[in-house]
């Protein structure tokens, strides 16, 4: 279940960057977003929890 969440996070992150790239080509002055940082923190947390579960610490 954790790996499914990480996979979903990766796919959502990929789709977000694709859509932002398309929007930036159309509208040059888009404000920056901190969603990449949030996604990275959630991915690190999810990977850590997956490692803990996998190695039974």
PDB file of N, CA and C in Angstrom:
ATOM      1  N   UNK A   1       0.824  -1.179   0.000  1.00  0.00           N
ATOM      2  CA  UNK A   1       0.000   0.000   0.000  1.00  0.00           C
ATOM      3  C   UNK A   1       0.881   1.261   0.000  1.00  0.00           C
ATOM      4  N   UNK A   2       1.995   1.201   0.712  1.00  0.00           N
ATOM      5  CA  UNK A   2       2.908   2.344   0.741  1.00  0.00           C
ATOM      6  C   UNK A   2       3.513   2.563  -0.635  1.00  0.00           C
ATOM      7  N   UNK A   3       3.907   1.470  -1.298  1.00  0.00           N
ATOM      8  CA  UNK A   3       4.509   1.611  -2.630  1.00  0.00           C
ATOM      9  C   UNK A   3       3.483   2.124  -3.642  1.00  0.00           C
ATOM     10  N   UNK A   4       2.214   1.760  -3.475  1.00  0.00           N
ATOM     11  CA  UNK A   4       1.169   2.292  -4.349  1.00  0.00           C
ATOM     12  C   UNK A   4       1.022   3.798  -4.139  1.00  0.00           C
ATOM     13  N   UNK A   5       1.119   4.243  -2.887  1.00  0.00           N
ATOM     14  CA  UNK A   5       1.073   5.676  -2.602  1.00  0.00           C
ATOM     15  C   UNK A   5       2.252   6.418  -3.208  1.00  0.00           C
ATOM     16  N   UNK A   6       3.448   5.817  -3.108  1.00  0.00           N
ATOM     17  CA  UNK A   6       4.633   6.449  -3.698  1.00  0.00           C
ATOM     18  C   UNK A   6       4.530   6.513  -5.216  1.00  0.00           C
ATOM     19  N   UNK A   7       3.996   5.452  -5.821  1.00  0.00           N
ATOM     20  CA  UNK A   7       3.807   5.444  -7.271  1.00  0.00           C
ATOM     21  C   UNK A   7       2.809   6.524  -7.687  1.00  0.00           C
ATOM     22  N   UNK A   8       1.719   6.655  -6.933  1.00  0.00           N
ATOM     23  CA  UNK A   8       0.726   7.686  -7.222  1.00  0.00           C
ATOM     24  C   UNK A   8       1.322   9.079  -7.077  1.00  0.00           C
ATOM     25  N   UNK A   9       2.149   9.274  -6.052  1.00  0.00           N
ATOM     26  CA  UNK A   9       2.812  10.559  -5.851  1.00  0.00           C
ATOM     27  C   UNK A   9       3.726  10.888  -7.026  1.00  0.00           C
ATOM     28  N   UNK A  10       4.497   9.910  -7.483  1.00  0.00           N
ATOM     29  CA  UNK A  10       5.399  10.135  -8.614  1.00  0.00           C
ATOM     30  C   UNK A  10       4.621  10.485  -9.878  1.00  0.00           C
ATOM     31  N   UNK A  11       3.533   9.758 -10.138  1.00  0.00           N
ATOM     32  CA  UNK A  11       2.742  10.036 -11.343  1.00  0.00           C
ATOM     33  C   UNK A  11       2.082  11.419 -11.272  1.00  0.00           C
ATOM     34  N   UNK A  12       1.604  11.794 -10.088  1.00  0.00           N
ATOM     35  CA  UNK A  12       0.999  13.117  -9.930  1.00  0.00           C
ATOM     36  C   UNK A  12       2.045  14.213 -10.101  1.00  0.00           C
ATOM     37  N   UNK A  13       3.253  13.990  -9.553  1.00  0.00           N
ATOM     38  CA  UNK A  13       4.335  14.964  -9.698  1.00  0.00           C
ATOM     39  C   UNK A  13       4.717  15.126 -11.165  1.00  0.00           C
ATOM     40  N   UNK A  14       4.801  14.015 -11.884  1.00  0.00           N
ATOM     41  CA  UNK A  14       5.142  14.052 -13.307  1.00  0.00           C
ATOM     42  C   UNK A  14       4.077  14.805 -14.102  1.00  0.00           C
ATOM     43  N   UNK A  15       2.806  14.528 -13.829  1.00  0.00           N
ATOM     44  CA  UNK A  15       1.720  15.205 -14.531  1.00  0.00           C
ATOM     45  C   UNK A  15       1.692  16.695 -14.207  1.00  0.00           C
ATOM     46  N   UNK A  16       1.948  17.039 -12.946  1.00  0.00           N
ATOM     47  CA  UNK A  16       1.983  18.443 -12.537  1.00  0.00           C
ATOM     48  C   UNK A  16       3.059  19.203 -13.313  1.00  0.00           C
ATOM     49  N   UNK A  17       4.262  18.641 -13.405  1.00  0.00           N
ATOM     50  CA  UNK A  17       5.346  19.323 -14.119  1.00  0.00           C
ATOM     51  C   UNK A  17       5.062  19.439 -15.607  1.00  0.00           C
ATOM     52  N   UNK A  18       4.423  18.435 -16.170  1.00  0.00           N
ATOM     53  CA  UNK A  18       4.052  18.508 -17.580  1.00  0.00           C
ATOM     54  C   UNK A  18       3.036  19.625 -17.811  1.00  0.00           C
ATOM     55  N   UNK A  19       2.039  19.714 -16.928  1.00  0.00           N
ATOM     56  CA  UNK A  19       1.026  20.755 -17.073  1.00  0.00           C
ATOM     57  C   UNK A  19       1.598  22.150 -16.828  1.00  0.00           C
ATOM     58  N   UNK A  20       2.470  22.292 -15.853  1.00  0.00           N
ATOM     59  CA  UNK A  20       3.101  23.593 -15.584  1.00  0.00           C
ATOM     60  C   UNK A  20       3.962  24.022 -16.767  1.00  0.00           C
ATOM     61  N   UNK A  21       4.676  23.089 -17.359  1.00  0.00           N
ATOM     62  CA  UNK A  21       5.494  23.410 -18.534  1.00  0.00           C
ATOM     63  C   UNK A  21       4.611  23.924 -19.669  1.00  0.00           C
ATOM     64  N   UNK A  22       3.459  23.291 -19.874  1.00  0.00           N
ATOM     65  CA  UNK A  22       2.529  23.728 -20.909  1.00  0.00           C
ATOM     66  C   UNK A  22       1.986  25.118 -20.599  1.00  0.00           C
ATOM     67  N   UNK A  23       1.622  25.348 -19.331  1.00  0.00           N
ATOM     68  CA  UNK A  23       1.106  26.661 -18.946  1.00  0.00           C
ATOM     69  C   UNK A  23       2.161  27.749 -19.065  1.00  0.00           C
ATOM     70  N   UNK A  24       3.409  27.431 -18.725  1.00  0.00           N
ATOM     71  CA  UNK A  24       4.475  28.443 -18.821  1.00  0.00           C
ATOM     72  C   UNK A  24       4.754  28.820 -20.267  1.00  0.00           C
ATOM     73  N   UNK A  25       4.559  27.886 -21.199  1.00  0.00           N
ATOM     74  CA  UNK A  25       4.723  28.218 -22.611  1.00  0.00           C
ATOM     75  C   UNK A  25       3.642  29.191 -23.063  1.00  0.00           C
ATOM     76  N   UNK A  26       2.456  29.071 -22.461  1.00  0.00           N
ATOM     77  CA  UNK A  26       1.342  29.927 -22.832  1.00  0.00           C
ATOM     78  C   UNK A  26       1.337  31.244 -22.053  1.00  0.00           C
ATOM     79  N   UNK A  27       1.521  31.153 -20.748  1.00  0.00           N
ATOM     80  CA  UNK A  27       1.494  32.321 -19.857  1.00  0.00           C
ATOM     81  C   UNK A  27       2.857  32.431 -19.185  1.00  0.00           C
ATOM     82  N   UNK A  28       3.642  33.346 -19.593  1.00  0.00           N
ATOM     83  CA  UNK A  28       5.036  33.450 -19.145  1.00  0.00           C
ATOM     84  C   UNK A  28       5.190  33.755 -17.657  1.00  0.00           C
ATOM     85  N   UNK A  29       4.277  34.498 -17.067  1.00  0.00           N
ATOM     86  CA  UNK A  29       4.465  34.975 -15.701  1.00  0.00           C
ATOM     87  C   UNK A  29       3.630  34.176 -14.697  1.00  0.00           C
ATOM     88  N   UNK A  30       3.909  32.898 -14.569  1.00  0.00           N
ATOM     89  CA  UNK A  30       3.245  32.088 -13.550  1.00  0.00           C
ATOM     90  C   UNK A  30       4.003  32.218 -12.233  1.00  0.00           C
ATOM     91  N   UNK A  31       3.293  32.333 -11.129  1.00  0.00           N
ATOM     92  CA  UNK A  31       3.992  32.385  -9.833  1.00  0.00           C
ATOM     93  C   UNK A  31       4.619  31.034  -9.515  1.00  0.00           C
ATOM     94  N   UNK A  32       5.707  31.073  -8.793  1.00  0.00           N
ATOM     95  CA  UNK A  32       6.365  29.819  -8.434  1.00  0.00           C
ATOM     96  C   UNK A  32       5.581  29.133  -7.326  1.00  0.00           C
ATOM     97  N   UNK A  33       5.754  27.832  -7.228  1.00  0.00           N
ATOM     98  CA  UNK A  33       5.012  27.038  -6.259  1.00  0.00           C
ATOM     99  C   UNK A  33       5.982  26.192  -5.444  1.00  0.00           C
ATOM    100  N   UNK A  34       5.604  25.908  -4.221  1.00  0.00           N
ATOM    101  CA  UNK A  34       6.451  25.075  -3.359  1.00  0.00           C
ATOM    102  C   UNK A  34       5.975  23.630  -3.339  1.00  0.00           C
ATOM    103  N   UNK A  35       5.171  23.239  -4.302  1.00  0.00           N
ATOM    104  CA  UNK A  35       4.631  21.880  -4.324  1.00  0.00           C
ATOM    105  C   UNK A  35       5.723  20.839  -4.547  1.00  0.00           C
ATOM    106  N   UNK A  36       6.793  21.214  -5.239  1.00  0.00           N
ATOM    107  CA  UNK A  36       7.897  20.280  -5.443  1.00  0.00           C
ATOM    108  C   UNK A  36       8.567  19.913  -4.130  1.00  0.00           C
ATOM    109  N   UNK A  37       8.722  20.888  -3.256  1.00  0.00           N
ATOM    110  CA  UNK A  37       9.309  20.646  -1.942  1.00  0.00           C
ATOM    111  C   UNK A  37       8.408  19.741  -1.103  1.00  0.00           C
ATOM    112  N   UNK A  38       7.118  19.998  -1.137  1.00  0.00           N
ATOM    113  CA  UNK A  38       6.169  19.173  -0.389  1.00  0.00           C
ATOM    114  C   UNK A  38       6.177  17.748  -0.925  1.00  0.00           C
ATOM    115  N   UNK A  39       6.182  17.587  -2.240  1.00  0.00           N
ATOM    116  CA  UNK A  39       6.211  16.257  -2.839  1.00  0.00           C
ATOM    117  C   UNK A  39       7.499  15.518  -2.481  1.00  0.00           C
ATOM    118  N   UNK A  40       8.617  16.235  -2.453  1.00  0.00           N
ATOM    119  CA  UNK A  40       9.891  15.602  -2.083  1.00  0.00           C
ATOM    120  C   UNK A  40       9.873  15.145  -0.621  1.00  0.00           C
ATOM    121  N   UNK A  41       9.326  15.973   0.264  1.00  0.00           N
ATOM    122  CA  UNK A  41       9.251  15.591   1.675  1.00  0.00           C
ATOM    123  C   UNK A  41       8.350  14.373   1.882  1.00  0.00           C
ATOM    124  N   UNK A  42       7.220  14.342   1.194  1.00  0.00           N
ATOM    125  CA  UNK A  42       6.319  13.190   1.306  1.00  0.00           C
ATOM    126  C   UNK A  42       6.976  11.946   0.718  1.00  0.00           C
ATOM    127  N   UNK A  43       7.707  12.096  -0.380  1.00  0.00           N
ATOM    128  CA  UNK A  43       8.400  10.953  -0.983  1.00  0.00           C
ATOM    129  C   UNK A  43       9.484  10.419  -0.057  1.00  0.00           C
ATOM    130  N   UNK A  44      10.219  11.303   0.585  1.00  0.00           N
ATOM    131  CA  UNK A  44      11.260  10.860   1.526  1.00  0.00           C
ATOM    132  C   UNK A  44      10.623  10.143   2.713  1.00  0.00           C
ATOM    133  N   UNK A  45       9.548  10.699   3.226  1.00  0.00           N
ATOM    134  CA  UNK A  45       8.845  10.067   4.339  1.00  0.00           C
ATOM    135  C   UNK A  45       8.293   8.706   3.928  1.00  0.00           C
ATOM    136  N   UNK A  46       7.683   8.620   2.766  1.00  0.00           N
ATOM    137  CA  UNK A  46       7.134   7.358   2.283  1.00  0.00           C
ATOM    138  C   UNK A  46       8.203   6.314   2.039  1.00  0.00           C
ATOM    139  N   UNK A  47       9.326   6.727   1.473  1.00  0.00           N
ATOM    140  CA  UNK A  47      10.432   5.795   1.231  1.00  0.00           C
ATOM    141  C   UNK A  47      11.022   5.303   2.548  1.00  0.00           C
ATOM    142  N   UNK A  48      11.127   6.186   3.525  1.00  0.00           N
ATOM    143  CA  UNK A  48      11.625   5.793   4.839  1.00  0.00           C
ATOM    144  C   UNK A  48      10.688   4.782   5.490  1.00  0.00           C
ATOM    145  N   UNK A  49       9.407   5.054   5.439  1.00  0.00           N
ATOM    146  CA  UNK A  49       8.433   4.127   6.027  1.00  0.00           C
ATOM    147  C   UNK A  49       8.445   2.802   5.285  1.00  0.00           C
ATOM    148  N   UNK A  50       8.564   2.819   3.971  1.00  0.00           N
ATOM    149  CA  UNK A  50       8.648   1.577   3.198  1.00  0.00           C
ATOM    150  C   UNK A  50       9.876   0.776   3.607  1.00  0.00           C
ATOM    151  N   UNK A  51      11.004   1.449   3.810  1.00  0.00           N
ATOM    152  CA  UNK A  51      12.211   0.755   4.261  1.00  0.00           C
ATOM    153  C   UNK A  51      12.038   0.157   5.641  1.00  0.00           C
ATOM    154  N   UNK A  52      11.402   0.890   6.541  1.00  0.00           N
ATOM    155  CA  UNK A  52      11.150   0.381   7.890  1.00  0.00           C
ATOM    156  C   UNK A  52      10.261  -0.842   7.841  1.00  0.00           C
ATOM    157  N   UNK A  53       9.215  -0.797   7.057  1.00  0.00           N
ATOM    158  CA  UNK A  53       8.298  -1.935   6.940  1.00  0.00           C
ATOM    159  C   UNK A  53       8.999  -3.109   6.282  1.00  0.00           C
ATOM    160  N   UNK A  54       9.769  -2.843   5.237  1.00  0.00           N
ATOM    161  CA  UNK A  54      10.438  -3.910   4.494  1.00  0.00           C
ATOM    162  C   UNK A  54      11.491  -4.615   5.344  1.00  0.00           C
ATOM    163  N   UNK A  55      12.253  -3.869   6.109  1.00  0.00           N
ATOM    164  CA  UNK A  55      13.319  -4.452   6.916  1.00  0.00           C
ATOM    165  C   UNK A  55      12.872  -4.754   8.352  1.00  0.00           C
ATOM    166  N   UNK A  56      11.615  -4.495   8.676  1.00  0.00           N
ATOM    167  CA  UNK A  56      11.034  -4.807   9.994  1.00  0.00           C
ATOM    168  C   UNK A  56      11.832  -4.258  11.164  1.00  0.00           C
ATOM    169  N   UNK A  57      12.146  -2.982  11.136  1.00  0.00           N
ATOM    170  CA  UNK A  57      12.869  -2.370  12.249  1.00  0.00           C
ATOM    171  C   UNK A  57      11.928  -2.086  13.370  1.00  0.00           C
TER     172      UNK A  57
END
